[in-house]
Amino acid sequence: LKTFDLKKKFNETYLVAFWEKMMGKYIASRTRELYVKNRVLYLKIDSAPLRQELFMAKTKVIDIINKETGETTIEEVVFL
């Protein structure tokens, strides 16, 4: 993957596929839209209290994702 510079795209796809595993069933069930572009994670959450909670814990979310993928996959989280 590193030879053909596909590692970044693989990690982004892994993040979308395993969102529930990383963040838990409750957060995954409230997530309506999720995509990555230029190391920015875009999230659309349908629960206002959960969106606020995740906004406050933004750095923790980034740490969890980057730890799971083993490298800096996400640098910022934007809530839609």
PDB file of N, CA and C in Angstrom:
ATOM      1  N   LEU A   1       0.814  -1.202   0.000  1.00  0.00           N
ATOM      2  CA  LEU A   1       0.000   0.000   0.000  1.00  0.00           C
ATOM      3  C   LEU A   1       0.854   1.261   0.000  1.00  0.00           C
ATOM      4  N   LYS A   2       1.945   1.234   0.754  1.00  0.00           N
ATOM      5  CA  LYS A   2       2.811   2.410   0.796  1.00  0.00           C
ATOM      6  C   LYS A   2       3.530   2.618  -0.532  1.00  0.00           C
ATOM      7  N   THR A   3       3.895   1.534  -1.200  1.00  0.00           N
ATOM      8  CA  THR A   3       4.607   1.629  -2.469  1.00  0.00           C
ATOM      9  C   THR A   3       3.787   2.393  -3.504  1.00  0.00           C
ATOM     10  N   PHE A   4       2.497   2.111  -3.567  1.00  0.00           N
ATOM     11  CA  PHE A   4       1.637   2.747  -4.558  1.00  0.00           C
ATOM     12  C   PHE A   4       0.850   3.929  -3.972  1.00  0.00           C
ATOM     13  N   ASP A   5       1.241   4.377  -2.792  1.00  0.00           N
ATOM     14  CA  ASP A   5       0.624   5.533  -2.126  1.00  0.00           C
ATOM     15  C   ASP A   5      -0.888   5.351  -1.947  1.00  0.00           C
ATOM     16  N   LEU A   6      -1.275   4.152  -1.528  1.00  0.00           N
ATOM     17  CA  LEU A   6      -2.686   3.847  -1.310  1.00  0.00           C
ATOM     18  C   LEU A   6      -3.050   3.765   0.173  1.00  0.00           C
ATOM     19  N   LYS A   7      -2.070   3.885   1.046  1.00  0.00           N
ATOM     20  CA  LYS A   7      -2.290   3.736   2.487  1.00  0.00           C
ATOM     21  C   LYS A   7      -3.297   4.774   3.011  1.00  0.00           C
ATOM     22  N   LYS A   8      -3.176   6.018   2.566  1.00  0.00           N
ATOM     23  CA  LYS A   8      -4.071   7.086   3.026  1.00  0.00           C
ATOM     24  C   LYS A   8      -5.516   6.764   2.661  1.00  0.00           C
ATOM     25  N   LYS A   9      -5.760   6.387   1.421  1.00  0.00           N
ATOM     26  CA  LYS A   9      -7.113   6.074   0.964  1.00  0.00           C
ATOM     27  C   LYS A   9      -7.642   4.822   1.665  1.00  0.00           C
ATOM     28  N   PHE A  10      -6.777   3.851   1.894  1.00  0.00           N
ATOM     29  CA  PHE A  10      -7.170   2.640   2.619  1.00  0.00           C
ATOM     30  C   PHE A  10      -7.638   2.990   4.030  1.00  0.00           C
ATOM     31  N   ASN A  11      -6.881   3.842   4.732  1.00  0.00           N
ATOM     32  CA  ASN A  11      -7.245   4.235   6.090  1.00  0.00           C
ATOM     33  C   ASN A  11      -8.564   5.004   6.119  1.00  0.00           C
ATOM     34  N   GLU A  12      -8.801   5.857   5.129  1.00  0.00           N
ATOM     35  CA  GLU A  12     -10.057   6.593   5.058  1.00  0.00           C
ATOM     36  C   GLU A  12     -11.235   5.637   4.852  1.00  0.00           C
ATOM     37  N   THR A  13     -11.063   4.659   3.993  1.00  0.00           N
ATOM     38  CA  THR A  13     -12.111   3.675   3.739  1.00  0.00           C
ATOM     39  C   THR A  13     -12.333   2.803   4.967  1.00  0.00           C
ATOM     40  N   TYR A  14     -11.252   2.433   5.638  1.00  0.00           N
ATOM     41  CA  TYR A  14     -11.331   1.644   6.873  1.00  0.00           C
ATOM     42  C   TYR A  14     -12.132   2.401   7.924  1.00  0.00           C
ATOM     43  N   LEU A  15     -11.886   3.681   8.041  1.00  0.00           N
ATOM     44  CA  LEU A  15     -12.587   4.520   9.010  1.00  0.00           C
ATOM     45  C   LEU A  15     -14.096   4.486   8.772  1.00  0.00           C
ATOM     46  N   VAL A  16     -14.511   4.648   7.555  1.00  0.00           N
ATOM     47  CA  VAL A  16     -15.936   4.638   7.226  1.00  0.00           C
ATOM     48  C   VAL A  16     -16.535   3.251   7.477  1.00  0.00           C
ATOM     49  N   ALA A  17     -15.823   2.202   7.095  1.00  0.00           N
ATOM     50  CA  ALA A  17     -16.325   0.838   7.232  1.00  0.00           C
ATOM     51  C   ALA A  17     -16.424   0.396   8.693  1.00  0.00           C
ATOM     52  N   PHE A  18     -15.484   0.820   9.520  1.00  0.00           N
ATOM     53  CA  PHE A  18     -15.436   0.361  10.899  1.00  0.00           C
ATOM     54  C   PHE A  18     -15.768   1.464  11.902  1.00  0.00           C
ATOM     55  N   TRP A  19     -16.574   2.433  11.498  1.00  0.00           N
ATOM     56  CA  TRP A  19     -16.981   3.534  12.367  1.00  0.00           C
ATOM     57  C   TRP A  19     -17.664   3.010  13.640  1.00  0.00           C
ATOM     58  N   GLU A  20     -18.543   2.029  13.479  1.00  0.00           N
ATOM     59  CA  GLU A  20     -19.251   1.478  14.631  1.00  0.00           C
ATOM     60  C   GLU A  20     -18.295   0.798  15.606  1.00  0.00           C
ATOM     61  N   LYS A  21     -17.319   0.090  15.089  1.00  0.00           N
ATOM     62  CA  LYS A  21     -16.335  -0.588  15.946  1.00  0.00           C
ATOM     63  C   LYS A  21     -15.521   0.426  16.744  1.00  0.00           C
ATOM     64  N   MET A  22     -15.154   1.536  16.113  1.00  0.00           N
ATOM     65  CA  MET A  22     -14.317   2.538  16.769  1.00  0.00           C
ATOM     66  C   MET A  22     -15.085   3.373  17.776  1.00  0.00           C
ATOM     67  N   MET A  23     -16.305   3.786  17.420  1.00  0.00           N
ATOM     68  CA  MET A  23     -17.024   4.759  18.234  1.00  0.00           C
ATOM     69  C   MET A  23     -18.179   4.167  19.046  1.00  0.00           C
ATOM     70  N   GLY A  24     -18.565   2.964  18.739  1.00  0.00           N
ATOM     71  CA  GLY A  24     -19.654   2.337  19.486  1.00  0.00           C
ATOM     72  C   GLY A  24     -20.967   2.357  18.724  1.00  0.00           C
ATOM     73  N   LYS A  25     -21.850   1.473  19.148  1.00  0.00           N
ATOM     74  CA  LYS A  25     -23.111   1.279  18.449  1.00  0.00           C
ATOM     75  C   LYS A  25     -24.020   2.510  18.528  1.00  0.00           C
ATOM     76  N   TYR A  26     -24.076   3.170  19.691  1.00  0.00           N
ATOM     77  CA  TYR A  26     -24.966   4.319  19.858  1.00  0.00           C
ATOM     78  C   TYR A  26     -24.573   5.473  18.936  1.00  0.00           C
ATOM     79  N   ILE A  27     -23.295   5.816  18.925  1.00  0.00           N
ATOM     80  CA  ILE A  27     -22.829   6.917  18.068  1.00  0.00           C
ATOM     81  C   ILE A  27     -23.020   6.561  16.601  1.00  0.00           C
ATOM     82  N   ALA A  28     -22.717   5.321  16.243  1.00  0.00           N
ATOM     83  CA  ALA A  28     -22.874   4.887  14.852  1.00  0.00           C
ATOM     84  C   ALA A  28     -24.339   4.946  14.415  1.00  0.00           C
ATOM     85  N   SER A  29     -25.255   4.612  15.315  1.00  0.00           N
ATOM     86  CA  SER A  29     -26.674   4.634  14.944  1.00  0.00           C
ATOM     87  C   SER A  29     -27.196   6.057  14.764  1.00  0.00           C
ATOM     88  N   ARG A  30     -26.563   7.038  15.383  1.00  0.00           N
ATOM     89  CA  ARG A  30     -26.958   8.438  15.260  1.00  0.00           C
ATOM     90  C   ARG A  30     -26.209   9.178  14.152  1.00  0.00           C
ATOM     91  N   THR A  31     -25.250   8.514  13.530  1.00  0.00           N
ATOM     92  CA  THR A  31     -24.471   9.124  12.456  1.00  0.00           C
ATOM     93  C   THR A  31     -25.220   8.945  11.139  1.00  0.00           C
ATOM     94  N   ARG A  32     -25.554  10.049  10.497  1.00  0.00           N
ATOM     95  CA  ARG A  32     -26.290  10.000   9.235  1.00  0.00           C
ATOM     96  C   ARG A  32     -25.374  10.109   8.024  1.00  0.00           C
ATOM     97  N   GLU A  33     -24.307  10.830   8.150  1.00  0.00           N
ATOM     98  CA  GLU A  33     -23.372  10.995   7.033  1.00  0.00           C
ATOM     99  C   GLU A  33     -21.961  11.014   7.594  1.00  0.00           C
ATOM    100  N   LEU A  34     -21.050  10.385   6.861  1.00  0.00           N
ATOM    101  CA  LEU A  34     -19.671  10.258   7.314  1.00  0.00           C
ATOM    102  C   LEU A  34     -18.777  10.120   6.091  1.00  0.00           C
ATOM    103  N   TYR A  35     -17.843  11.070   5.934  1.00  0.00           N
ATOM    104  CA  TYR A  35     -16.866  10.942   4.863  1.00  0.00           C
ATOM    105  C   TYR A  35     -15.599  11.699   5.225  1.00  0.00           C
ATOM    106  N   VAL A  36     -14.524  11.350   4.536  1.00  0.00           N
ATOM    107  CA  VAL A  36     -13.210  11.945   4.785  1.00  0.00           C
ATOM    108  C   VAL A  36     -12.725  12.604   3.506  1.00  0.00           C
ATOM    109  N   LYS A  37     -12.191  13.813   3.654  1.00  0.00           N
ATOM    110  CA  LYS A  37     -11.621  14.523   2.509  1.00  0.00           C
ATOM    111  C   LYS A  37     -10.454  15.362   3.019  1.00  0.00           C
ATOM    112  N   ASN A  38      -9.290  15.136   2.460  1.00  0.00           N
ATOM    113  CA  ASN A  38      -8.078  15.881   2.827  1.00  0.00           C
ATOM    114  C   ASN A  38      -7.799  15.850   4.333  1.00  0.00           C
ATOM    115  N   ARG A  39      -7.880  14.671   4.907  1.00  0.00           N
ATOM    116  CA  ARG A  39      -7.616  14.441   6.336  1.00  0.00           C
ATOM    117  C   ARG A  39      -8.588  15.149   7.268  1.00  0.00           C
ATOM    118  N   VAL A  40      -9.748  15.507   6.746  1.00  0.00           N
ATOM    119  CA  VAL A  40     -10.806  16.115   7.554  1.00  0.00           C
ATOM    120  C   VAL A  40     -11.990  15.157   7.548  1.00  0.00           C
ATOM    121  N   LEU A  41     -12.469  14.818   8.743  1.00  0.00           N
ATOM    122  CA  LEU A  41     -13.623  13.941   8.890  1.00  0.00           C
ATOM    123  C   LEU A  41     -14.877  14.802   8.982  1.00  0.00           C
ATOM    124  N   TYR A  42     -15.828  14.559   8.088  1.00  0.00           N
ATOM    125  CA  TYR A  42     -17.091  15.282   8.079  1.00  0.00           C
ATOM    126  C   TYR A  42     -18.167  14.358   8.634  1.00  0.00           C
ATOM    127  N   LEU A  43     -18.858  14.833   9.673  1.00  0.00           N
ATOM    128  CA  LEU A  43     -19.881  14.038  10.340  1.00  0.00           C
ATOM    129  C   LEU A  43     -21.208  14.769  10.364  1.00  0.00           C
ATOM    130  N   LYS A  44     -22.274  14.047  10.079  1.00  0.00           N
ATOM    131  CA  LYS A  44     -23.610  14.585  10.257  1.00  0.00           C
ATOM    132  C   LYS A  44     -24.293  13.696  11.298  1.00  0.00           C
ATOM    133  N   ILE A  45     -24.542  14.284  12.461  1.00  0.00           N
ATOM    134  CA  ILE A  45     -25.139  13.560  13.580  1.00  0.00           C
ATOM    135  C   ILE A  45     -26.563  14.079  13.754  1.00  0.00           C
ATOM    136  N   ASP A  46     -27.548  13.156  13.901  1.00  0.00           N
ATOM    137  CA  ASP A  46     -28.942  13.591  13.990  1.00  0.00           C
ATOM    138  C   ASP A  46     -29.398  13.918  15.408  1.00  0.00           C
ATOM    139  N   SER A  47     -28.535  13.783  16.381  1.00  0.00           N
ATOM    140  CA  SER A  47     -28.864  14.099  17.766  1.00  0.00           C
ATOM    141  C   SER A  47     -28.053  15.316  18.212  1.00  0.00           C
ATOM    142  N   ALA A  48     -28.740  16.412  18.515  1.00  0.00           N
ATOM    143  CA  ALA A  48     -28.043  17.643  18.915  1.00  0.00           C
ATOM    144  C   ALA A  48     -27.201  17.469  20.186  1.00  0.00           C
ATOM    145  N   PRO A  49     -27.702  16.802  21.224  1.00  0.00           N
ATOM    146  CA  PRO A  49     -26.868  16.619  22.410  1.00  0.00           C
ATOM    147  C   PRO A  49     -25.613  15.772  22.126  1.00  0.00           C
ATOM    148  N   LEU A  50     -25.767  14.735  21.310  1.00  0.00           N
ATOM    149  CA  LEU A  50     -24.618  13.905  20.964  1.00  0.00           C
ATOM    150  C   LEU A  50     -23.625  14.688  20.118  1.00  0.00           C
ATOM    151  N   ARG A  51     -24.124  15.483  19.183  1.00  0.00           N
ATOM    152  CA  ARG A  51     -23.247  16.320  18.353  1.00  0.00           C
ATOM    153  C   ARG A  51     -22.435  17.268  19.235  1.00  0.00           C
ATOM    154  N   GLN A  52     -23.065  17.878  20.222  1.00  0.00           N
ATOM    155  CA  GLN A  52     -22.380  18.788  21.139  1.00  0.00           C
ATOM    156  C   GLN A  52     -21.341  18.033  21.967  1.00  0.00           C
ATOM    157  N   GLU A  53     -21.699  16.849  22.426  1.00  0.00           N
ATOM    158  CA  GLU A  53     -20.771  16.023  23.212  1.00  0.00           C
ATOM    159  C   GLU A  53     -19.543  15.650  22.382  1.00  0.00           C
ATOM    160  N   LEU A  54     -19.760  15.248  21.141  1.00  0.00           N
ATOM    161  CA  LEU A  54     -18.635  14.894  20.264  1.00  0.00           C
ATOM    162  C   LEU A  54     -17.804  16.126  19.913  1.00  0.00           C
ATOM    163  N   PHE A  55     -18.460  17.260  19.759  1.00  0.00           N
ATOM    164  CA  PHE A  55     -17.733  18.497  19.486  1.00  0.00           C
ATOM    165  C   PHE A  55     -16.784  18.825  20.634  1.00  0.00           C
ATOM    166  N   MET A  56     -17.252  18.640  21.860  1.00  0.00           N
ATOM    167  CA  MET A  56     -16.425  18.916  23.033  1.00  0.00           C
ATOM    168  C   MET A  56     -15.271  17.912  23.159  1.00  0.00           C
ATOM    169  N   ALA A  57     -15.473  16.693  22.658  1.00  0.00           N
ATOM    170  CA  ALA A  57     -14.463  15.639  22.751  1.00  0.00           C
ATOM    171  C   ALA A  57     -13.794  15.401  21.395  1.00  0.00           C
ATOM    172  N   LYS A  58     -13.676  16.441  20.596  1.00  0.00           N
ATOM    173  CA  LYS A  58     -13.146  16.329  19.229  1.00  0.00           C
ATOM    174  C   LYS A  58     -11.734  15.730  19.206  1.00  0.00           C
ATOM    175  N   THR A  59     -10.869  16.179  20.099  1.00  0.00           N
ATOM    176  CA  THR A  59      -9.492  15.668  20.109  1.00  0.00           C
ATOM    177  C   THR A  59      -9.452  14.190  20.494  1.00  0.00           C
ATOM    178  N   LYS A  60     -10.358  13.771  21.374  1.00  0.00           N
ATOM    179  CA  LYS A  60     -10.415  12.358  21.751  1.00  0.00           C
ATOM    180  C   LYS A  60     -10.856  11.507  20.563  1.00  0.00           C
ATOM    181  N   VAL A  61     -11.824  12.000  19.800  1.00  0.00           N
ATOM    182  CA  VAL A  61     -12.288  11.285  18.604  1.00  0.00           C
ATOM    183  C   VAL A  61     -11.139  11.138  17.609  1.00  0.00           C
ATOM    184  N   ILE A  62     -10.395  12.209  17.389  1.00  0.00           N
ATOM    185  CA  ILE A  62      -9.252  12.179  16.470  1.00  0.00           C
ATOM    186  C   ILE A  62      -8.208  11.183  16.966  1.00  0.00           C
ATOM    187  N   ASP A  63      -7.928  11.186  18.261  1.00  0.00           N
ATOM    188  CA  ASP A  63      -6.952  10.251  18.837  1.00  0.00           C
ATOM    189  C   ASP A  63      -7.378   8.798  18.663  1.00  0.00           C
ATOM    190  N   ILE A  64      -8.663   8.513  18.902  1.00  0.00           N
ATOM    191  CA  ILE A  64      -9.176   7.145  18.749  1.00  0.00           C
ATOM    192  C   ILE A  64      -9.006   6.665  17.313  1.00  0.00           C
ATOM    193  N   ILE A  65      -9.361   7.506  16.362  1.00  0.00           N
ATOM    194  CA  ILE A  65      -9.273   7.132  14.946  1.00  0.00           C
ATOM    195  C   ILE A  65      -7.823   6.917  14.538  1.00  0.00           C
ATOM    196  N   ASN A  66      -6.956   7.851  14.888  1.00  0.00           N
ATOM    197  CA  ASN A  66      -5.557   7.742  14.499  1.00  0.00           C
ATOM    198  C   ASN A  66      -4.862   6.556  15.174  1.00  0.00           C
ATOM    199  N   LYS A  67      -5.253   6.255  16.395  1.00  0.00           N
ATOM    200  CA  LYS A  67      -4.687   5.099  17.091  1.00  0.00           C
ATOM    201  C   LYS A  67      -5.120   3.805  16.408  1.00  0.00           C
ATOM    202  N   GLU A  68      -6.382   3.748  16.003  1.00  0.00           N
ATOM    203  CA  GLU A  68      -6.919   2.556  15.342  1.00  0.00           C
ATOM    204  C   GLU A  68      -6.249   2.309  13.983  1.00  0.00           C
ATOM    205  N   THR A  69      -6.001   3.373  13.236  1.00  0.00           N
ATOM    206  CA  THR A  69      -5.393   3.204  11.911  1.00  0.00           C
ATOM    207  C   THR A  69      -3.873   3.125  11.972  1.00  0.00           C
ATOM    208  N   GLY A  70      -3.277   3.569  13.072  1.00  0.00           N
ATOM    209  CA  GLY A  70      -1.828   3.450  13.223  1.00  0.00           C
ATOM    210  C   GLY A  70      -1.038   4.607  12.643  1.00  0.00           C
ATOM    211  N   GLU A  71      -1.705   5.613  12.141  1.00  0.00           N
ATOM    212  CA  GLU A  71      -1.024   6.803  11.625  1.00  0.00           C
ATOM    213  C   GLU A  71      -1.998   7.976  11.614  1.00  0.00           C
ATOM    214  N   THR A  72      -1.526   9.151  11.253  1.00  0.00           N
ATOM    215  CA  THR A  72      -2.368  10.342  11.250  1.00  0.00           C
ATOM    216  C   THR A  72      -3.284  10.321  10.031  1.00  0.00           C
ATOM    217  N   THR A  73      -4.471   9.804  10.233  1.00  0.00           N
ATOM    218  CA  THR A  73      -5.467   9.730   9.169  1.00  0.00           C
ATOM    219  C   THR A  73      -6.355  10.963   9.186  1.00  0.00           C
ATOM    220  N   ILE A  74      -6.677  11.440  10.393  1.00  0.00           N
ATOM    221  CA  ILE A  74      -7.579  12.571  10.571  1.00  0.00           C
ATOM    222  C   ILE A  74      -6.860  13.663  11.349  1.00  0.00           C
ATOM    223  N   GLU A  75      -6.978  14.899  10.877  1.00  0.00           N
ATOM    224  CA  GLU A  75      -6.400  16.044  11.585  1.00  0.00           C
ATOM    225  C   GLU A  75      -7.472  16.962  12.151  1.00  0.00           C
ATOM    226  N   GLU A  76      -8.691  16.881  11.606  1.00  0.00           N
ATOM    227  CA  GLU A  76      -9.773  17.781  12.027  1.00  0.00           C
ATOM    228  C   GLU A  76     -11.110  17.066  11.862  1.00  0.00           C
ATOM    229  N   VAL A  77     -12.094  17.449  12.661  1.00  0.00           N
ATOM    230  CA  VAL A  77     -13.455  16.922  12.556  1.00  0.00           C
ATOM    231  C   VAL A  77     -14.387  18.109  12.359  1.00  0.00           C
ATOM    232  N   VAL A  78     -15.265  18.004  11.351  1.00  0.00           N
ATOM    233  CA  VAL A  78     -16.233  19.055  11.063  1.00  0.00           C
ATOM    234  C   VAL A  78     -17.627  18.424  11.187  1.00  0.00           C
ATOM    235  N   PHE A  79     -18.495  19.093  11.935  1.00  0.00           N
ATOM    236  CA  PHE A  79     -19.864  18.624  12.111  1.00  0.00           C
ATOM    237  C   PHE A  79     -20.784  19.376  11.155  1.00  0.00           C
ATOM    238  N   LEU A  80     -21.532  18.636  10.372  1.00  0.00           N
ATOM    239  CA  LEU A  80     -22.437  19.224   9.380  1.00  0.00           C
ATOM    240  C   LEU A  80     -23.815  19.447   9.964  1.00  0.00           C
TER     241      LEU A  80
END
